[in-house]
Amino acid sequence: MPVSNRLSNNLIARIVIGTSLVWAAPVLLAADSYCAFEVEVRSPSNRPSPKVPVGIAQLRSTFAETMTDANGTARICDAPIGTVDVFVGFDACGLVVIKEVKPLWLETKKLFVTYARSSCGEFNSNPKSCHIVLRVKDEVGRPLAGARFEGKASAKSVGEPILSDSFGRLFRTLEADQMLEGYITKLGYNPTPISQRCVLLEADRELMVALRKR
């Protein structure tokens, strides 16, 4: 092949390769720049929350997880097709979950979450007392407001409501091994006896109490 032809062929090849690179570059950049989710996490006082876990899950399986940056922002760029659950926080307690969130097509879905950090103290693994909720209802299961617990009061129950609320709830706090003994009373109803011991292995309990009309 003459030298001039070889030079022409090389020049054409370089032009073709160069042109393909010029066209390919924007496509690659566009694909790389797409991020499915951006989650902004702030505290109840509206301050950025850094170093908080953020992730997405689908079909009860974690797909991706990261941490918020110094500005309280987490970006999860790769996401499966379809809806996902977005979770924020530590799984020990106080986890925030946003259910059934669907990513946008080539557009970042932005989410804003208020997250209160928890030391898990409200979920005490070594309780020193019992919390008992008495749910007072009538004979057909409707909540009864204005019912009263008549019995020996616990020192830990000081300040707790003395009458059931609109949901029929009475709240009582007991010390370990202390008995909650007495009657639930309400005008026009027969008193119903109550007897419950504070067992720390079952520190938080709900008891249903049915009152019948006289």
Protein backbone atom coordinates (compact mmCIF):
# COMPACT_ATOMS: atom_id res chain seq x y z
CA MET A 1 0.00 0.00 0.00
CA PRO A 2 1.39 3.43 -0.89
CA VAL A 3 2.57 5.61 1.97
CA SER A 4 0.00 8.30 1.12
CA ASN A 5 -2.88 5.80 1.42
CA ARG A 6 -1.63 4.51 4.78
CA LEU A 7 -1.44 8.08 6.09
CA SER A 8 -4.98 8.81 4.87
CA ASN A 9 -6.34 5.67 6.51
CA ASN A 10 -4.64 6.50 9.82
CA LEU A 11 -6.03 10.03 9.71
CA ILE A 12 -9.57 8.76 9.05
CA ALA A 13 -9.27 6.24 11.91
CA ARG A 14 -8.15 8.96 14.31
CA ILE A 15 -11.05 11.19 13.29
CA VAL A 16 -13.58 8.37 13.80
CA ILE A 17 -12.15 7.41 17.22
CA GLY A 18 -11.99 11.03 18.33
CA THR A 19 -15.55 11.66 17.23
CA SER A 20 -16.84 8.60 19.11
CA LEU A 21 -15.08 9.74 22.28
CA VAL A 22 -16.63 13.19 22.00
CA TRP A 23 -20.10 11.62 21.71
CA ALA A 24 -19.49 9.02 24.44
CA ALA A 25 -18.19 11.44 27.09
CA PRO A 26 -21.48 13.27 27.80
CA VAL A 27 -23.37 9.95 28.08
CA LEU A 28 -20.92 8.59 30.65
CA LEU A 29 -20.99 11.82 32.62
CA ALA A 30 -24.78 11.87 32.63
CA ALA A 31 -24.97 8.27 33.82
CA ASP A 32 -22.38 8.80 36.53
CA SER A 33 -24.00 12.00 37.84
CA TYR A 34 -27.47 10.51 38.45
CA CYS A 35 -28.16 9.87 42.13
CA ALA A 36 -31.42 8.21 43.15
CA PHE A 37 -31.85 9.58 46.68
CA GLU A 38 -30.64 12.50 48.75
CA VAL A 39 -31.75 12.46 52.39
CA GLU A 40 -31.32 15.51 54.59
CA VAL A 41 -31.40 14.64 58.29
CA ARG A 42 -31.87 17.30 60.94
CA SER A 43 -32.35 17.29 64.70
CA PRO A 44 -35.57 18.47 66.42
CA SER A 45 -33.82 21.82 66.93
CA ASN A 46 -33.32 21.98 63.12
CA ARG A 47 -29.56 21.41 63.21
CA PRO A 48 -27.78 19.13 60.72
CA SER A 49 -27.32 15.58 62.06
CA PRO A 50 -23.94 14.14 60.97
CA LYS A 51 -22.88 10.49 61.23
CA VAL A 52 -26.40 9.09 61.18
CA PRO A 53 -26.97 5.85 59.23
CA VAL A 54 -29.24 6.15 56.20
CA GLY A 55 -30.17 3.28 53.93
CA ILE A 56 -32.71 1.79 51.58
CA ALA A 57 -34.32 -1.63 51.75
CA GLN A 58 -36.49 -3.62 49.41
CA LEU A 59 -38.39 -6.79 50.27
CA ARG A 60 -37.00 -6.60 53.84
CA SER A 61 -33.43 -6.73 52.56
CA THR A 62 -31.00 -3.82 52.83
CA PHE A 63 -29.90 -2.70 49.37
CA ALA A 64 -27.55 0.18 50.30
CA GLU A 65 -26.48 2.06 53.42
CA THR A 66 -24.33 5.09 54.15
CA MET A 67 -23.81 7.84 56.76
CA THR A 68 -24.82 11.49 56.74
CA ASP A 69 -22.00 13.97 56.18
CA ALA A 70 -21.15 17.07 58.23
CA ASN A 71 -24.17 18.84 56.70
CA GLY A 72 -26.52 16.04 57.69
CA THR A 73 -26.92 14.88 54.09
CA ALA A 74 -26.70 11.33 52.79
CA ARG A 75 -26.69 10.38 49.10
CA ILE A 76 -27.63 6.92 47.89
CA CYS A 77 -27.10 6.94 44.17
CA ASP A 78 -27.70 3.33 43.23
CA ALA A 79 -31.24 2.06 43.85
CA PRO A 80 -33.36 -0.81 42.55
CA ILE A 81 -36.34 -0.29 40.28
CA GLY A 82 -39.57 -0.02 42.19
CA THR A 83 -40.43 1.26 45.63
CA VAL A 84 -38.07 1.02 48.59
CA ASP A 85 -38.18 1.73 52.31
CA VAL A 86 -35.82 4.50 53.41
CA PHE A 87 -34.54 4.13 56.98
CA VAL A 88 -32.75 6.70 59.12
CA GLY A 89 -31.07 6.09 62.47
CA PHE A 90 -29.65 3.29 64.54
CA ASP A 91 -31.61 0.05 64.59
CA ALA A 92 -31.36 -0.36 68.36
CA CYS A 93 -34.12 2.19 68.99
CA GLY A 94 -35.74 5.28 67.53
CA LEU A 95 -35.36 4.20 63.89
CA VAL A 96 -37.27 6.36 61.37
CA VAL A 97 -38.67 4.52 58.33
CA ILE A 98 -40.28 6.09 55.27
CA LYS A 99 -42.27 3.37 53.55
CA GLU A 100 -42.83 2.78 49.84
CA VAL A 101 -40.68 5.53 48.30
CA LYS A 102 -40.13 5.35 44.56
CA PRO A 103 -37.06 6.93 42.88
CA LEU A 104 -37.55 9.42 40.07
CA TRP A 105 -36.39 8.78 36.51
CA LEU A 106 -32.95 10.42 36.12
CA GLU A 107 -33.84 12.93 38.83
CA THR A 108 -32.78 12.87 42.47
CA LYS A 109 -35.55 12.18 44.96
CA LYS A 110 -35.00 14.47 47.97
CA LEU A 111 -36.26 13.52 51.40
CA PHE A 112 -36.21 15.53 54.62
CA VAL A 113 -36.22 13.76 57.98
CA THR A 114 -36.25 15.00 61.56
CA TYR A 115 -34.37 12.48 63.69
CA ALA A 116 -33.98 12.55 67.47
CA ARG A 117 -30.91 10.68 68.64
CA SER A 118 -31.72 8.25 71.42
CA SER A 119 -29.60 6.62 74.08
CA CYS A 120 -32.29 3.91 74.32
CA GLY A 121 -33.05 5.01 77.87
CA GLU A 122 -36.77 5.03 77.05
CA PHE A 123 -36.37 1.35 76.15
CA ASN A 124 -34.60 0.41 79.35
CA SER A 125 -33.14 -3.10 79.24
CA ASN A 126 -32.66 -3.06 83.02
CA PRO A 127 -35.88 -1.56 84.43
CA LYS A 128 -36.19 -0.59 88.07
CA SER A 129 -39.97 -0.15 88.04
CA CYS A 130 -43.12 -1.20 86.14
CA HIS A 131 -45.40 0.89 83.97
CA ILE A 132 -48.95 -0.41 83.82
CA VAL A 133 -51.69 0.97 81.58
CA LEU A 134 -55.23 0.10 82.65
CA ARG A 135 -57.67 0.32 79.73
CA VAL A 136 -61.16 0.73 81.16
CA LYS A 137 -64.07 -0.23 78.90
CA ASP A 138 -67.77 -0.87 79.21
CA GLU A 139 -69.42 -4.23 78.58
CA VAL A 140 -69.48 -3.71 74.79
CA GLY A 141 -65.83 -2.63 74.59
CA ARG A 142 -66.17 1.15 74.44
CA PRO A 143 -63.56 3.21 76.35
CA LEU A 144 -64.81 4.71 79.59
CA ALA A 145 -63.57 8.14 80.64
CA GLY A 146 -63.73 9.30 84.24
CA ALA A 147 -63.08 5.92 85.88
CA ARG A 148 -61.01 5.94 89.06
CA PHE A 149 -58.56 3.54 90.71
CA GLU A 150 -59.44 3.08 94.39
CA GLY A 151 -56.62 1.48 96.32
CA LYS A 152 -53.19 1.91 97.82
CA ALA A 153 -51.18 4.50 95.91
CA SER A 154 -47.55 4.00 94.94
CA ALA A 155 -45.00 6.68 95.68
CA LYS A 156 -43.97 6.43 92.03
CA SER A 157 -47.53 7.19 90.89
CA VAL A 158 -47.53 10.69 92.35
CA GLY A 159 -48.61 13.15 89.66
CA GLU A 160 -50.21 10.54 87.43
CA PRO A 161 -53.87 11.17 86.41
CA ILE A 162 -56.43 9.94 88.92
CA LEU A 163 -59.21 9.52 86.31
CA SER A 164 -59.21 7.60 83.04
CA ASP A 165 -58.93 9.73 79.92
CA SER A 166 -61.08 9.74 76.77
CA PHE A 167 -59.36 6.51 75.67
CA GLY A 168 -60.17 4.85 78.98
CA ARG A 169 -56.54 4.83 80.11
CA LEU A 170 -55.25 4.94 83.68
CA PHE A 171 -51.48 5.05 84.20
CA ARG A 172 -49.74 3.55 87.20
CA THR A 173 -46.05 3.14 88.08
CA LEU A 174 -45.01 0.48 90.59
CA GLU A 175 -41.81 -0.45 92.36
CA ALA A 176 -40.33 -3.92 91.93
CA ASP A 177 -42.54 -6.64 93.50
CA GLN A 178 -45.13 -4.08 94.56
CA MET A 179 -48.80 -5.04 94.16
CA LEU A 180 -51.39 -2.92 92.39
CA GLU A 181 -54.49 -3.84 94.39
CA GLY A 182 -57.82 -2.10 94.57
CA TYR A 183 -60.92 -1.39 92.51
CA ILE A 184 -61.76 0.48 89.32
CA THR A 185 -64.88 2.52 89.98
CA LYS A 186 -67.19 4.80 88.03
CA LEU A 187 -70.56 6.25 88.92
CA GLY A 188 -73.33 4.00 87.60
CA TYR A 189 -71.05 0.95 87.20
CA ASN A 190 -70.18 -1.98 89.44
CA PRO A 191 -66.63 -1.78 90.88
CA THR A 192 -64.12 -4.18 89.33
CA PRO A 193 -61.23 -5.55 91.42
CA ILE A 194 -57.62 -5.23 90.22
CA SER A 195 -54.62 -7.24 91.40
CA GLN A 196 -51.31 -7.04 89.58
CA ARG A 197 -47.74 -7.51 90.79
CA CYS A 198 -44.78 -5.57 89.37
CA VAL A 199 -42.55 -8.18 87.71
CA LEU A 200 -39.51 -6.52 86.15
CA LEU A 201 -39.28 -9.13 83.40
CA GLU A 202 -42.65 -7.79 82.23
CA ALA A 203 -42.09 -4.19 83.25
CA ASP A 204 -44.47 -2.56 80.74
CA ARG A 205 -47.95 -4.04 80.53
CA GLU A 206 -51.50 -3.23 79.50
CA LEU A 207 -54.50 -4.59 81.36
CA MET A 208 -58.07 -4.56 80.08
CA VAL A 209 -60.71 -3.76 82.70
CA ALA A 210 -64.39 -4.17 81.92
CA LEU A 211 -67.02 -2.31 83.96
CA ARG A 212 -70.66 -3.34 83.91
CA LYS A 213 -73.59 -1.05 84.55
CA ARG A 214 -75.51 -1.49 87.77
